[in-house]
């Protein structure tokens, strides 16, 4: 038994625990605006199978309505509070308006949702969670702790912030962003070094780096390519120095690991 983590690329993961499948920030496209998928195929149909889906914030590479439309009707969808107002396309996927839609629940940090045998708790993230760069601050960026046989922390997008370990609480597995989709990371992101610092603070048993090496802007192939390819390996090296007791699982797209409790 135990928890199984499958990384599909970018921030999209399946967490299987206690017979329940939870999907994070699904993005099932080869191209998104000026970005194209550079590594790994578009996730296969099995990636869309989930009992519940967690969306960390409203940026279009994390809340992607076209990808959400591929989910089975009636799937539970957990989103930050205010998402419905900010993303009109999300309203058309709401089962309250569309019989073939999704059962949407909006949450803020501290809220808990029961999903089968699992308990999901929303936790703070330090990140601009607005849908548009100049839009109103209607929705918080969130992370989630999925508790079953293991406690798995999905960080979404976040920077380091004071009290991070206390806000997240004890966890067995951490899914941490270590990069991005362009030649420069904006504020309130984790790069490999900051992600290793976060790992040292959180002190889980295991970690999986995510949110790197998947999408890259069209036409910028030659601009700082190490920022695309290197973050996973850099995180492994820096985590070994700052958090040597944590087992880091560096996955390729579509690969799975059985970290944490019960293994």
Protein backbone atom coordinates (compact mmCIF):
# COMPACT_ATOMS: atom_id res chain seq x y z
CA UNK A 1 0.00 0.00 0.00
CA UNK A 2 1.20 3.50 0.74
CA UNK A 3 0.96 6.69 -1.26
CA UNK A 4 1.78 6.75 -4.97
CA UNK A 5 2.79 10.02 -6.67
CA UNK A 6 2.69 10.31 -10.47
CA UNK A 7 4.09 13.43 -12.12
CA UNK A 8 2.52 14.29 -15.48
CA UNK A 9 4.56 17.46 -16.01
CA UNK A 10 4.41 21.08 -14.82
CA UNK A 11 2.30 21.17 -11.61
CA UNK A 12 0.08 18.24 -12.64
CA UNK A 13 0.35 15.23 -10.33
CA UNK A 14 -1.83 12.33 -9.28
CA UNK A 15 -1.72 11.47 -5.58
CA UNK A 16 -3.14 8.03 -4.82
CA UNK A 17 -3.78 7.36 -1.15
CA UNK A 18 -6.24 5.09 0.66
CA UNK A 19 -7.85 4.08 -2.63
CA UNK A 20 -8.58 7.72 -3.57
CA UNK A 21 -7.06 9.54 -6.58
CA UNK A 22 -6.42 13.28 -6.26
CA UNK A 23 -5.23 15.30 -9.27
CA UNK A 24 -3.41 18.63 -8.95
CA UNK A 25 -3.52 21.65 -11.31
CA UNK A 26 -4.38 19.64 -14.46
CA UNK A 27 -2.85 20.94 -17.69
CA UNK A 28 -3.47 18.59 -20.62
CA UNK A 29 -2.41 20.62 -23.67
CA UNK A 30 0.60 20.79 -25.95
CA UNK A 31 0.37 24.55 -26.34
CA UNK A 32 -0.87 27.28 -23.99
CA UNK A 33 -0.78 30.83 -25.38
CA UNK A 34 2.93 31.52 -26.02
CA UNK A 35 4.07 28.33 -24.28
CA UNK A 36 4.59 24.91 -25.80
CA UNK A 37 5.29 21.60 -24.18
CA UNK A 38 8.95 20.83 -24.73
CA UNK A 39 9.36 17.56 -22.82
CA UNK A 40 7.09 14.58 -22.39
CA UNK A 41 3.84 13.80 -24.21
CA UNK A 42 0.52 15.36 -23.27
CA UNK A 43 -0.74 13.27 -20.34
CA UNK A 44 -2.73 10.20 -21.42
CA UNK A 45 -6.45 9.70 -20.72
CA UNK A 46 -5.65 7.82 -17.50
CA UNK A 47 -4.33 11.08 -16.06
CA UNK A 48 -7.84 12.54 -16.14
CA UNK A 49 -9.18 9.82 -13.82
CA UNK A 50 -9.61 11.35 -10.38
CA UNK A 51 -11.99 11.40 -7.46
CA UNK A 52 -11.09 15.03 -6.78
CA UNK A 53 -9.03 17.80 -8.35
CA UNK A 54 -7.13 20.52 -6.48
CA UNK A 55 -6.42 23.87 -8.11
CA UNK A 56 -3.84 26.01 -6.34
CA UNK A 57 -4.47 29.41 -7.96
CA UNK A 58 -6.02 31.09 -10.97
CA UNK A 59 -3.09 31.49 -13.36
CA UNK A 60 -3.98 29.87 -16.66
CA UNK A 61 -1.25 27.23 -16.42
CA UNK A 62 -2.81 26.03 -13.15
CA UNK A 63 -6.53 26.65 -13.65
CA UNK A 64 -7.12 25.62 -17.27
CA UNK A 65 -10.82 25.19 -18.11
CA UNK A 66 -10.21 23.19 -21.31
CA UNK A 67 -8.20 20.65 -19.34
CA UNK A 68 -10.83 20.57 -16.60
CA UNK A 69 -13.47 19.85 -19.22
CA UNK A 70 -11.79 16.48 -19.85
CA UNK A 71 -12.63 15.30 -16.34
CA UNK A 72 -15.48 12.89 -15.70
CA UNK A 73 -18.76 14.75 -15.01
CA UNK A 74 -19.42 14.97 -11.30
CA UNK A 75 -15.74 15.02 -10.32
CA UNK A 76 -15.09 17.07 -7.17
CA UNK A 77 -13.15 20.28 -7.95
CA UNK A 78 -11.55 22.30 -5.14
CA UNK A 79 -10.59 25.88 -6.07
CA UNK A 80 -9.61 29.08 -4.24
CA UNK A 81 -12.49 31.25 -3.10
CA UNK A 82 -13.53 33.74 -5.77
CA UNK A 83 -12.50 31.56 -8.71
CA UNK A 84 -16.06 31.43 -9.98
CA UNK A 85 -16.25 35.23 -10.24
CA UNK A 86 -12.83 35.59 -11.85
CA UNK A 87 -12.97 32.83 -14.46
CA UNK A 88 -16.24 32.85 -16.45
CA UNK A 89 -15.34 29.59 -18.21
CA UNK A 90 -15.32 27.89 -14.81
CA UNK A 91 -18.98 28.76 -14.33
CA UNK A 92 -19.87 26.76 -17.42
CA UNK A 93 -18.22 23.71 -15.83
CA UNK A 94 -20.18 24.03 -12.58
CA UNK A 95 -22.62 21.15 -12.05
CA UNK A 96 -25.10 23.61 -10.55
CA UNK A 97 -25.40 25.18 -14.01
CA UNK A 98 -24.37 22.26 -16.23
CA UNK A 99 -25.65 18.72 -15.55
CA UNK A 100 -22.45 17.32 -17.11
CA UNK A 101 -20.26 19.62 -15.02
CA UNK A 102 -18.04 19.37 -11.97
CA UNK A 103 -18.93 19.65 -8.29
CA UNK A 104 -17.04 22.81 -7.38
CA UNK A 105 -16.08 23.79 -3.83
CA UNK A 106 -14.34 27.10 -3.09
CA UNK A 107 -11.93 27.25 -0.12
CA UNK A 108 -9.54 29.52 1.74
CA UNK A 109 -6.55 28.63 3.88
CA UNK A 110 -7.66 26.63 6.90
CA UNK A 111 -10.68 25.04 5.24
CA UNK A 112 -10.88 21.24 5.19
CA UNK A 113 -12.70 18.99 2.73
CA UNK A 114 -13.39 15.27 3.11
CA UNK A 115 -12.81 13.17 -0.02
CA UNK A 116 -13.56 9.53 0.67
CA UNK A 117 -11.04 8.39 3.26
CA UNK A 118 -8.91 11.49 2.74
CA UNK A 119 -8.96 14.89 4.38
CA UNK A 120 -7.71 17.85 2.33
CA UNK A 121 -6.68 21.04 4.12
CA UNK A 122 -6.03 24.28 2.26
CA UNK A 123 -2.88 26.08 3.42
CA UNK A 124 -1.42 29.50 2.57
CA UNK A 125 0.91 30.15 -0.36
CA UNK A 126 2.98 33.28 -0.99
CA UNK A 127 2.13 33.96 -4.63
CA UNK A 128 0.01 36.28 -6.75
CA UNK A 129 -3.05 34.14 -7.43
CA UNK A 130 -4.97 36.55 -9.68
CA UNK A 131 -6.29 35.37 -13.04
CA UNK A 132 -4.77 38.33 -14.89
CA UNK A 133 -1.66 40.30 -13.94
CA UNK A 134 -3.68 43.50 -13.56
CA UNK A 135 -6.89 41.95 -12.27
CA UNK A 136 -8.31 42.44 -8.77
CA UNK A 137 -7.01 40.40 -5.85
CA UNK A 138 -10.11 38.25 -5.49
CA UNK A 139 -8.63 34.82 -4.88
CA UNK A 140 -5.81 33.57 -2.67
CA UNK A 141 -3.06 31.29 -3.91
CA UNK A 142 -3.16 28.07 -1.92
CA UNK A 143 -1.33 24.86 -1.23
CA UNK A 144 -3.00 21.70 0.03
CA UNK A 145 -2.19 18.97 2.53
CA UNK A 146 -3.76 15.63 1.59
CA UNK A 147 -4.05 13.36 4.64
CA UNK A 148 -4.68 9.62 4.49
CA UNK A 149 -2.09 6.92 5.00
CA UNK A 150 0.43 9.71 4.39
CA UNK A 151 0.30 13.48 4.62
CA UNK A 152 1.20 14.89 1.20
CA UNK A 153 1.82 18.61 0.73
CA UNK A 154 1.15 20.04 -2.74
CA UNK A 155 2.63 23.54 -2.67
CA UNK A 156 1.14 24.86 -5.94
CA UNK A 157 3.19 27.98 -6.63
CA UNK A 158 4.75 29.74 -3.67
CA UNK A 159 7.77 31.57 -2.42
CA UNK A 160 9.35 31.07 0.96
CA UNK A 161 7.46 32.88 3.69
CA UNK A 162 7.75 33.31 7.44
CA UNK A 163 5.97 30.55 9.33
CA UNK A 164 5.75 28.27 6.29
CA UNK A 165 6.41 25.07 8.24
CA UNK A 166 3.88 26.03 10.93
CA UNK A 167 1.24 26.91 8.34
CA UNK A 168 1.70 23.62 6.48
CA UNK A 169 2.18 21.44 9.54
CA UNK A 170 3.82 18.01 9.71
CA UNK A 171 3.95 16.24 6.34
CA UNK A 172 5.44 13.00 5.03
CA UNK A 173 5.77 13.97 1.34
CA UNK A 174 6.30 17.40 -0.24
CA UNK A 175 5.55 18.19 -3.90
CA UNK A 176 7.57 21.38 -4.37
CA UNK A 177 7.86 23.69 -7.39
CA UNK A 178 11.52 24.18 -8.29
CA UNK A 179 11.33 26.17 -11.54
CA UNK A 180 8.92 27.75 -13.98
CA UNK A 181 8.17 28.14 -17.68
CA UNK A 182 10.43 30.95 -18.80
CA UNK A 183 14.01 32.21 -18.74
CA UNK A 184 13.38 34.16 -15.53
CA UNK A 185 11.38 33.33 -12.42
CA UNK A 186 9.14 36.10 -11.16
CA UNK A 187 8.76 36.97 -7.48
CA UNK A 188 7.17 34.54 -5.06
CA UNK A 189 8.41 31.39 -6.74
CA UNK A 190 10.73 28.67 -5.51
CA UNK A 191 13.90 28.05 -7.45
CA UNK A 192 16.03 24.98 -6.60
CA UNK A 193 17.85 26.77 -3.78
CA UNK A 194 14.77 28.23 -2.15
CA UNK A 195 12.93 24.94 -2.60
CA UNK A 196 15.75 23.17 -0.76
CA UNK A 197 15.46 25.74 2.03
CA UNK A 198 11.72 25.07 2.20
CA UNK A 199 12.43 21.36 2.33
CA UNK A 200 14.75 21.83 5.28
CA UNK A 201 12.03 23.75 7.11
CA UNK A 202 9.22 21.33 6.30
CA UNK A 203 11.33 18.22 7.06
CA UNK A 204 9.16 15.61 5.31
CA UNK A 205 10.33 12.05 4.77
CA UNK A 206 10.31 12.44 0.98
CA UNK A 207 9.99 15.07 -1.74
CA UNK A 208 9.16 15.25 -5.45
CA UNK A 209 10.24 18.33 -7.44
CA UNK A 210 7.62 19.62 -9.88
CA UNK A 211 6.83 22.73 -11.97
CA UNK A 212 9.92 22.65 -14.17
CA UNK A 213 11.12 21.32 -17.50
CA UNK A 214 7.74 21.06 -19.24
CA UNK A 215 6.67 24.30 -20.95
CA UNK A 216 8.86 26.97 -22.53
CA UNK A 217 8.03 30.12 -24.52
CA UNK A 218 7.90 29.69 -28.29
CA UNK A 219 10.92 31.21 -29.98
CA UNK A 220 13.06 31.39 -26.84
CA UNK A 221 14.72 27.99 -27.19
CA UNK A 222 18.20 29.49 -26.96
CA UNK A 223 17.56 31.86 -24.06
CA UNK A 224 18.95 30.54 -20.76
CA UNK A 225 18.04 26.93 -21.58
CA UNK A 226 19.61 25.71 -18.33
CA UNK A 227 16.68 27.35 -16.53
CA UNK A 228 14.47 24.81 -18.32
CA UNK A 229 16.56 21.65 -18.05
CA UNK A 230 18.54 22.05 -14.83
CA UNK A 231 16.18 22.80 -11.90
CA UNK A 232 15.38 19.18 -11.01
CA UNK A 233 19.03 18.13 -10.81
CA UNK A 234 19.97 21.34 -8.99
CA UNK A 235 17.25 20.72 -6.42
CA UNK A 236 18.50 17.18 -5.82
CA UNK A 237 22.02 18.49 -5.16
CA UNK A 238 20.96 21.35 -2.91
CA UNK A 239 18.44 19.22 -1.01
CA UNK A 240 21.19 16.69 -0.29
CA UNK A 241 23.16 19.47 1.38
CA UNK A 242 20.36 21.28 3.24
CA UNK A 243 18.01 18.37 4.01
CA UNK A 244 20.08 15.17 3.72
CA UNK A 245 17.54 13.11 5.66
CA UNK A 246 14.84 13.67 3.00
CA UNK A 247 14.56 11.13 0.16
CA UNK A 248 14.15 13.09 -3.10
CA UNK A 249 12.43 11.35 -6.02
CA UNK A 250 13.34 13.00 -9.32
CA UNK A 251 10.71 11.78 -11.77
CA UNK A 252 10.36 12.02 -15.52
CA UNK A 253 6.97 12.85 -17.02
CA UNK A 254 4.55 9.98 -16.43
CA UNK A 255 6.75 8.28 -13.84
CA UNK A 256 5.54 7.29 -10.37
CA UNK A 257 7.11 6.96 -6.95
CA UNK A 258 6.00 5.42 -3.67
CA UNK A 259 7.45 7.84 -1.12
CA UNK A 260 6.61 8.27 2.52
CA UNK A 261 4.61 6.11 4.88
CA UNK A 262 3.73 2.53 4.10
CA UNK A 263 6.62 1.85 1.73
